[in-house]
N, C-alpha and C. Protein backbone atom coordinates (compact mmCIF):
# COMPACT_ATOMS: atom_id res chain seq x y z
N UNK A 1 118.89 126.27 63.51
CA UNK A 1 117.72 125.71 62.91
C UNK A 1 117.94 124.22 62.69
N UNK A 2 116.97 123.45 63.07
CA UNK A 2 117.07 122.01 62.95
C UNK A 2 116.03 121.50 61.96
N UNK A 3 116.48 120.65 61.05
CA UNK A 3 115.56 120.06 60.09
C UNK A 3 115.21 118.66 60.56
N UNK A 4 113.97 118.33 60.42
CA UNK A 4 113.54 116.99 60.79
C UNK A 4 113.15 116.23 59.53
N UNK A 5 113.37 114.96 59.60
CA UNK A 5 113.04 114.10 58.48
C UNK A 5 111.62 113.60 58.68
N UNK A 6 110.87 113.51 57.59
CA UNK A 6 109.51 113.00 57.69
C UNK A 6 109.24 112.01 56.58
N UNK A 7 108.26 111.16 56.81
CA UNK A 7 107.86 110.18 55.80
C UNK A 7 106.62 110.68 55.10
N UNK A 8 106.60 110.52 53.81
CA UNK A 8 105.41 110.88 53.05
C UNK A 8 104.53 109.64 53.02
N UNK A 9 103.34 109.75 53.57
CA UNK A 9 102.48 108.58 53.68
C UNK A 9 101.75 108.27 52.38
N UNK A 10 101.44 109.27 51.60
CA UNK A 10 100.76 109.05 50.33
C UNK A 10 101.75 109.24 49.18
N UNK A 11 102.74 108.38 49.13
CA UNK A 11 103.78 108.50 48.11
C UNK A 11 103.18 108.33 46.72
N UNK A 12 103.59 109.18 45.82
CA UNK A 12 103.12 109.13 44.44
C UNK A 12 104.23 108.54 43.60
N UNK A 13 103.89 107.58 42.77
CA UNK A 13 104.87 106.96 41.89
C UNK A 13 105.10 107.89 40.71
N UNK A 14 106.30 108.46 40.62
CA UNK A 14 106.62 109.41 39.58
C UNK A 14 107.41 108.75 38.44
N UNK A 15 107.45 107.44 38.42
CA UNK A 15 108.18 106.74 37.37
C UNK A 15 107.46 106.91 36.05
N UNK A 16 108.24 107.08 35.00
CA UNK A 16 107.67 107.16 33.66
C UNK A 16 107.32 105.76 33.19
N UNK A 17 106.48 105.66 32.14
CA UNK A 17 106.20 104.33 31.60
C UNK A 17 107.48 103.59 31.18
N UNK A 18 108.43 104.31 30.59
CA UNK A 18 109.68 103.66 30.17
C UNK A 18 110.42 103.09 31.38
N UNK A 19 110.49 103.86 32.46
CA UNK A 19 111.20 103.39 33.65
C UNK A 19 110.53 102.15 34.23
N UNK A 20 109.21 102.11 34.20
CA UNK A 20 108.51 100.94 34.74
C UNK A 20 108.78 99.69 33.91
N UNK A 21 108.78 99.83 32.59
CA UNK A 21 109.06 98.69 31.71
C UNK A 21 110.50 98.22 31.89
N UNK A 22 111.43 99.16 31.92
CA UNK A 22 112.85 98.84 32.12
C UNK A 22 113.05 98.13 33.45
N UNK A 23 112.40 98.64 34.49
CA UNK A 23 112.52 98.03 35.82
C UNK A 23 111.96 96.61 35.83
N UNK A 24 110.88 96.38 35.10
CA UNK A 24 110.28 95.04 35.05
C UNK A 24 111.26 94.01 34.48
N UNK A 25 112.11 94.45 33.55
CA UNK A 25 113.12 93.56 32.98
C UNK A 25 114.34 93.41 33.88
N UNK A 26 114.49 94.31 34.85
CA UNK A 26 115.64 94.23 35.74
C UNK A 26 116.74 95.22 35.40
N UNK A 27 116.45 96.18 34.51
CA UNK A 27 117.44 97.20 34.21
C UNK A 27 117.66 97.39 32.72
N UNK A 28 118.42 98.43 32.41
CA UNK A 28 118.72 98.81 31.03
C UNK A 28 119.36 97.67 30.24
N UNK A 29 120.42 97.10 30.80
CA UNK A 29 121.18 96.08 30.11
C UNK A 29 120.35 94.83 29.84
N UNK A 30 119.56 94.44 30.82
CA UNK A 30 118.75 93.22 30.65
C UNK A 30 117.68 93.42 29.59
N UNK A 31 117.03 94.58 29.58
CA UNK A 31 116.03 94.83 28.54
C UNK A 31 116.69 94.86 27.17
N UNK A 32 117.81 95.55 27.06
CA UNK A 32 118.52 95.63 25.78
C UNK A 32 118.91 94.24 25.29
N UNK A 33 119.42 93.42 26.18
CA UNK A 33 119.84 92.06 25.80
C UNK A 33 118.65 91.22 25.35
N UNK A 34 117.59 91.24 26.12
CA UNK A 34 116.43 90.39 25.81
C UNK A 34 115.68 90.87 24.57
N UNK A 35 115.64 92.18 24.35
CA UNK A 35 114.93 92.72 23.19
C UNK A 35 115.83 92.74 21.96
N UNK A 36 117.13 92.80 22.17
CA UNK A 36 118.07 92.78 21.05
C UNK A 36 118.36 94.14 20.46
N UNK A 37 118.56 95.11 21.33
CA UNK A 37 118.90 96.46 20.87
C UNK A 37 120.05 97.00 21.73
N UNK A 38 120.70 98.07 21.29
CA UNK A 38 121.80 98.63 22.08
C UNK A 38 121.32 99.21 23.41
N UNK A 39 122.16 99.12 24.41
CA UNK A 39 121.84 99.70 25.72
C UNK A 39 121.59 101.21 25.58
N UNK A 40 122.31 101.86 24.66
CA UNK A 40 122.13 103.30 24.47
C UNK A 40 120.71 103.63 24.00
N UNK A 41 120.10 102.73 23.27
CA UNK A 41 118.71 102.93 22.83
C UNK A 41 117.77 102.91 24.03
N UNK A 42 117.95 101.93 24.89
CA UNK A 42 117.12 101.80 26.09
C UNK A 42 117.36 103.00 27.01
N UNK A 43 118.61 103.44 27.12
CA UNK A 43 118.93 104.61 27.93
C UNK A 43 118.19 105.84 27.40
N UNK A 44 118.13 105.99 26.09
CA UNK A 44 117.41 107.10 25.49
C UNK A 44 115.93 107.06 25.83
N UNK A 45 115.35 105.86 25.81
CA UNK A 45 113.94 105.73 26.19
C UNK A 45 113.74 106.18 27.62
N UNK A 46 114.65 105.76 28.48
CA UNK A 46 114.54 106.14 29.90
C UNK A 46 114.64 107.65 30.06
N UNK A 47 115.59 108.25 29.38
CA UNK A 47 115.77 109.70 29.49
C UNK A 47 114.56 110.46 28.97
N UNK A 48 113.95 109.97 27.91
CA UNK A 48 112.77 110.63 27.34
C UNK A 48 111.48 110.27 28.08
N UNK A 49 111.53 109.18 28.85
CA UNK A 49 110.37 108.77 29.62
C UNK A 49 109.33 107.99 28.84
N UNK A 50 109.67 107.62 27.61
CA UNK A 50 108.73 106.86 26.81
C UNK A 50 109.46 105.93 25.84
N UNK A 51 108.77 104.86 25.48
CA UNK A 51 109.30 103.91 24.51
C UNK A 51 108.47 104.08 23.25
N UNK A 52 109.10 104.30 22.09
CA UNK A 52 108.34 104.47 20.85
C UNK A 52 107.43 103.27 20.59
N UNK A 53 106.25 103.57 20.09
CA UNK A 53 105.22 102.56 19.89
C UNK A 53 105.66 101.39 19.02
N UNK A 54 106.53 101.64 18.05
CA UNK A 54 106.93 100.54 17.16
C UNK A 54 107.72 99.45 17.89
N UNK A 55 108.13 99.69 19.13
CA UNK A 55 108.88 98.70 19.90
C UNK A 55 108.00 97.94 20.90
N UNK A 56 106.80 98.39 21.13
CA UNK A 56 105.96 97.82 22.18
C UNK A 56 105.72 96.32 22.00
N UNK A 57 105.29 95.92 20.83
CA UNK A 57 104.96 94.51 20.61
C UNK A 57 106.18 93.61 20.81
N UNK A 58 107.33 94.01 20.27
CA UNK A 58 108.55 93.22 20.44
C UNK A 58 108.97 93.12 21.89
N UNK A 59 108.81 94.19 22.63
CA UNK A 59 109.16 94.17 24.06
C UNK A 59 108.19 93.27 24.83
N UNK A 60 106.91 93.36 24.50
CA UNK A 60 105.92 92.49 25.15
C UNK A 60 106.24 91.02 24.85
N UNK A 61 106.62 90.72 23.62
CA UNK A 61 106.98 89.34 23.26
C UNK A 61 108.25 88.89 23.99
N UNK A 62 109.24 89.78 24.10
CA UNK A 62 110.46 89.46 24.85
C UNK A 62 110.14 89.21 26.31
N UNK A 63 109.25 90.01 26.85
CA UNK A 63 108.84 89.83 28.26
C UNK A 63 108.18 88.47 28.45
N UNK A 64 107.28 88.11 27.55
CA UNK A 64 106.57 86.83 27.66
C UNK A 64 107.54 85.65 27.62
N UNK A 65 108.56 85.74 26.75
CA UNK A 65 109.56 84.66 26.66
C UNK A 65 110.37 84.52 27.95
N UNK A 66 110.39 85.58 28.75
CA UNK A 66 111.18 85.58 29.98
C UNK A 66 110.32 85.61 31.24
N UNK A 67 109.05 85.24 31.10
CA UNK A 67 108.11 85.21 32.23
C UNK A 67 108.04 86.55 32.96
N UNK A 68 108.06 87.64 32.20
CA UNK A 68 107.93 88.98 32.75
C UNK A 68 106.57 89.50 32.32
N UNK A 69 105.82 90.03 33.26
CA UNK A 69 104.49 90.53 32.96
C UNK A 69 104.54 91.99 32.51
N UNK A 70 104.35 92.19 31.21
CA UNK A 70 104.28 93.53 30.63
C UNK A 70 103.00 93.56 29.79
N UNK A 71 102.20 94.59 30.01
CA UNK A 71 100.97 94.75 29.23
C UNK A 71 101.05 96.04 28.42
N UNK A 72 100.20 96.15 27.44
CA UNK A 72 100.15 97.35 26.61
C UNK A 72 99.99 98.60 27.47
N UNK A 73 99.17 98.52 28.49
CA UNK A 73 98.92 99.67 29.37
C UNK A 73 100.18 100.16 30.06
N UNK A 74 101.16 99.29 30.22
CA UNK A 74 102.40 99.67 30.90
C UNK A 74 103.20 100.69 30.11
N UNK A 75 102.93 100.83 28.83
CA UNK A 75 103.66 101.77 27.98
C UNK A 75 103.01 103.16 27.98
N UNK A 76 101.85 103.27 28.58
CA UNK A 76 101.09 104.52 28.56
C UNK A 76 101.18 105.25 29.89
N UNK A 77 101.22 106.59 29.84
CA UNK A 77 101.22 107.34 31.10
C UNK A 77 99.89 107.11 31.84
N UNK A 78 99.98 107.01 33.11
CA UNK A 78 98.78 106.80 33.92
C UNK A 78 98.21 108.16 34.33
N UNK A 79 96.89 108.31 34.27
CA UNK A 79 96.28 109.58 34.67
C UNK A 79 96.52 109.85 36.15
N UNK A 80 96.71 111.11 36.47
CA UNK A 80 96.91 111.48 37.88
C UNK A 80 95.60 111.36 38.62
N UNK A 81 95.70 110.84 39.83
CA UNK A 81 94.52 110.71 40.66
C UNK A 81 94.32 111.97 41.48
N UNK A 82 93.09 112.36 41.66
CA UNK A 82 92.79 113.54 42.47
C UNK A 82 93.07 113.24 43.94
N UNK A 83 93.56 114.23 44.64
CA UNK A 83 93.91 114.03 46.06
C UNK A 83 92.69 114.08 46.93
């Protein structure tokens, strides 16, 4: 039996809101450094897939100081689109 590799043309972004925000900063360590919290805290957000609301404003302000575009909507799960 031979398996063939295929490309998915309609790729769905399965990243959580936390992963998207972390990625915008360039990774766990960079977000932790710029926001001023332990890397383990940011890792926890990534594992849970969400960043607690009390951190949103501070992260948005840290992003603005570093020319990173983060909006309030980036912290919220996006509704699934119908196929």
